Amino acid sequence: MIKGRFKKESENKSQKINTASLPDIIFMLLFFFMVTTTMRETTLFVQNKLPSATEIQKLERKSLVSFIYIGPPLQANIFGTEPRIQLNDAFGTVNEIASFVEAERQARPEAERPLMITSMKIDSETKMGIVTDVKQELRLVGALNINYSTTRGDVAGL
C-alpha cells in the first residue's frame, strides 16, 4: 500500500474574522448618534420673561426638577390675556397640578422622589393670585420643595 506524501488539511478549521476595523465602526456609530440625538425641551405656550435677582443659586441636579410655567399665553388672540398655567407641553388648571406632580414622581426612581424640586417659572408681569393658588395646591399634594426661577441681574431699587 502506498501512502501519499501530501496530507490533506482538515476541513474543520474555522476562518478568522479580521476585527481591525471594528473600533472605527463603533466610533462612527457613536458619533452618528451623538450628532442626531436632540435633548427634549418643553415648547413654551406662555410668555416667560423671568424676574431678575441678585442672590441666586444654581441647581445641582436638574434631573430632579419639574417645571411649572405661569404667564400670559403667547397666542393672546386664541387663549386670551389672563395668565395661564403650563404643565409640560400643555395648558393646565390648578386642579390638574396634583396629577402632574404624581406623574412626575412616578417617572423618577423611588430613592429620588423625596429630593424632587418643583420649579416655578413665572412671568415677571404675572399677578400673585394664580401663583398663590398653585403654591396651595402643591402644598396639598406634598410637593414642599419649591424653587422660583429667575435670571441673574441687578434688581431696581436695591
Protein backbone atom coordinates (compact mmCIF):
# COMPACT_ATOMS: atom_id res chain seq x y z
CA MET A 1 0.00 0.00 0.00
CA ILE A 2 1.34 3.38 -0.94
CA LYS A 3 0.92 6.25 1.38
CA GLY A 4 0.51 9.67 -0.06
CA ARG A 5 3.16 12.21 0.54
CA PHE A 6 0.70 15.05 0.83
CA LYS A 7 -1.55 15.40 3.80
CA LYS A 8 -4.95 16.88 3.41
CA GLU A 9 -5.53 19.68 5.78
CA SER A 10 -8.50 19.19 7.97
CA GLU A 11 -11.56 20.99 6.74
CA ASN A 12 -12.78 21.69 10.29
CA LYS A 13 -10.66 24.76 10.80
CA SER A 14 -12.69 27.97 11.10
CA GLN A 15 -11.69 31.09 9.31
CA LYS A 16 -10.74 34.07 11.44
CA ILE A 17 -12.55 37.37 11.00
CA ASN A 18 -10.47 40.47 10.75
CA THR A 19 -11.59 42.82 13.55
CA ALA A 20 -9.11 45.61 12.88
CA SER A 21 -11.82 47.99 11.60
CA LEU A 22 -14.30 47.24 14.43
CA PRO A 23 -13.26 50.22 16.63
CA ASP A 24 -13.67 52.55 13.64
CA ILE A 25 -17.20 51.30 13.04
CA ILE A 26 -18.13 51.65 16.71
CA PHE A 27 -16.84 55.23 16.87
CA MET A 28 -18.67 56.11 13.66
CA LEU A 29 -21.94 54.83 15.17
CA LEU A 30 -21.28 56.66 18.43
CA PHE A 31 -20.58 59.90 16.58
CA PHE A 32 -23.71 59.46 14.45
CA PHE A 33 -25.97 59.03 17.48
CA MET A 34 -24.35 61.93 19.32
CA VAL A 35 -24.96 64.24 16.37
CA THR A 36 -28.51 63.16 15.57
CA THR A 37 -29.87 62.95 19.13
CA THR A 38 -31.56 66.06 20.48
CA MET A 39 -32.39 66.84 24.08
CA ARG A 40 -36.09 67.19 24.71
CA GLU A 41 -37.16 70.69 25.60
CA THR A 42 -40.56 72.00 26.53
CA THR A 43 -42.34 74.15 23.97
CA LEU A 44 -43.48 77.30 25.73
CA PHE A 45 -47.05 78.45 25.22
CA VAL A 46 -46.82 81.28 27.78
CA GLN A 47 -44.68 84.39 27.99
CA ASN A 48 -41.78 83.76 30.28
CA LYS A 49 -39.77 86.90 30.97
CA LEU A 50 -38.30 85.90 34.30
CA PRO A 51 -37.67 88.50 37.01
CA SER A 52 -34.05 89.26 37.85
CA ALA A 53 -32.42 88.72 41.23
CA THR A 54 -29.00 89.32 42.77
CA GLU A 55 -28.80 86.37 45.20
CA ILE A 56 -29.37 83.23 43.17
CA GLN A 57 -28.22 79.62 43.44
CA LYS A 58 -27.73 77.15 40.64
CA LEU A 59 -29.50 73.81 40.97
CA GLU A 60 -27.08 70.89 41.16
CA ARG A 61 -29.23 68.02 39.88
CA LYS A 62 -31.51 69.27 37.14
CA SER A 63 -32.87 65.77 36.57
CA LEU A 64 -34.83 66.15 39.83
CA VAL A 65 -36.57 69.36 38.71
CA SER A 66 -40.13 69.58 37.35
CA PHE A 67 -41.17 72.88 35.82
CA ILE A 68 -44.47 74.74 36.06
CA TYR A 69 -44.73 77.78 33.76
CA ILE A 70 -47.11 80.64 34.55
CA GLY A 71 -47.74 83.66 32.37
CA PRO A 72 -49.96 85.20 29.70
CA PRO A 73 -50.40 82.97 26.62
CA LEU A 74 -48.27 83.71 23.59
CA GLN A 75 -51.33 83.41 21.34
CA ALA A 76 -53.48 86.02 23.07
CA ASN A 77 -55.98 86.12 20.20
CA ILE A 78 -56.88 82.44 20.86
CA PHE A 79 -56.34 81.96 24.60
CA GLY A 80 -56.88 85.48 25.95
CA THR A 81 -54.56 87.64 28.02
CA GLU A 82 -55.13 86.20 31.51
CA PRO A 83 -52.14 84.28 32.95
CA ARG A 84 -52.28 80.54 32.32
CA ILE A 85 -50.53 77.54 33.84
CA GLN A 86 -48.44 75.32 31.58
CA LEU A 87 -47.62 71.79 32.76
CA ASN A 88 -45.07 70.16 30.43
CA ASP A 89 -46.35 70.78 26.86
CA ALA A 90 -49.98 71.65 27.60
CA PHE A 91 -52.05 74.22 29.40
CA GLY A 92 -53.40 73.05 32.73
CA THR A 93 -55.51 74.21 35.64
CA VAL A 94 -54.85 74.35 39.35
CA ASN A 95 -56.87 71.14 39.74
CA GLU A 96 -54.53 69.28 37.34
CA ILE A 97 -51.40 70.05 39.36
CA ALA A 98 -51.93 67.05 41.67
CA SER A 99 -51.94 64.61 38.75
CA PHE A 100 -48.95 66.41 37.20
CA VAL A 101 -46.91 66.08 40.40
CA GLU A 102 -47.90 62.42 40.78
CA ALA A 103 -46.87 61.66 37.18
CA GLU A 104 -43.53 63.39 37.75
CA ARG A 105 -42.98 61.33 40.92
CA GLN A 106 -43.77 58.08 39.12
CA ALA A 107 -41.28 58.94 36.37
CA ARG A 108 -38.41 59.01 38.88
CA PRO A 109 -36.78 56.23 40.88
CA GLU A 110 -38.22 55.79 44.35
CA ALA A 111 -35.00 56.88 46.07
CA GLU A 112 -35.06 60.26 44.27
CA ARG A 113 -38.72 61.11 44.89
CA PRO A 114 -38.16 62.90 48.23
CA LEU A 115 -35.48 65.03 46.56
CA MET A 116 -37.75 66.31 43.78
CA ILE A 117 -37.92 70.06 43.24
CA THR A 118 -40.85 71.87 41.66
CA SER A 119 -39.51 74.94 39.90
CA MET A 120 -41.95 77.69 39.02
CA LYS A 121 -41.02 79.83 36.03
CA ILE A 122 -43.31 82.82 36.37
CA ASP A 123 -43.51 85.78 34.01
CA SER A 124 -42.44 88.97 35.78
CA GLU A 125 -45.78 90.68 34.97
CA THR A 126 -47.96 87.90 36.45
CA LYS A 127 -50.07 88.74 39.50
CA MET A 128 -49.54 86.71 42.67
CA GLY A 129 -53.12 85.35 42.84
CA ILE A 130 -52.54 82.48 40.43
CA VAL A 131 -49.10 81.83 41.94
CA THR A 132 -50.63 81.51 45.42
CA ASP A 133 -53.24 79.08 44.08
CA VAL A 134 -50.51 76.92 42.55
CA LYS A 135 -48.48 77.01 45.77
CA GLN A 136 -51.51 75.96 47.83
CA GLU A 137 -52.17 73.02 45.50
CA LEU A 138 -48.51 71.97 45.66
CA ARG A 139 -48.72 72.10 49.45
CA LEU A 140 -51.81 69.84 49.41
CA VAL A 141 -50.04 67.15 47.34
CA GLY A 142 -46.91 67.26 49.48
CA ALA A 143 -44.61 68.93 46.94
CA LEU A 144 -42.99 71.19 49.50
CA ASN A 145 -39.62 71.72 47.82
CA ILE A 146 -40.41 74.74 45.60
CA ASN A 147 -37.99 76.85 43.62
CA TYR A 148 -38.60 80.17 41.86
CA SER A 149 -36.58 80.53 38.63
CA THR A 150 -35.00 83.91 37.97
CA THR A 151 -32.28 85.47 35.87
CA ARG A 152 -29.12 86.98 37.27
CA GLY A 153 -29.13 90.74 37.25
CA ASP A 154 -29.46 93.93 39.21
CA VAL A 155 -32.78 94.45 40.91
CA ALA A 156 -34.04 98.00 40.51
CA GLY A 157 -34.42 99.89 43.76
CA LEU A 158 -31.79 97.95 45.76
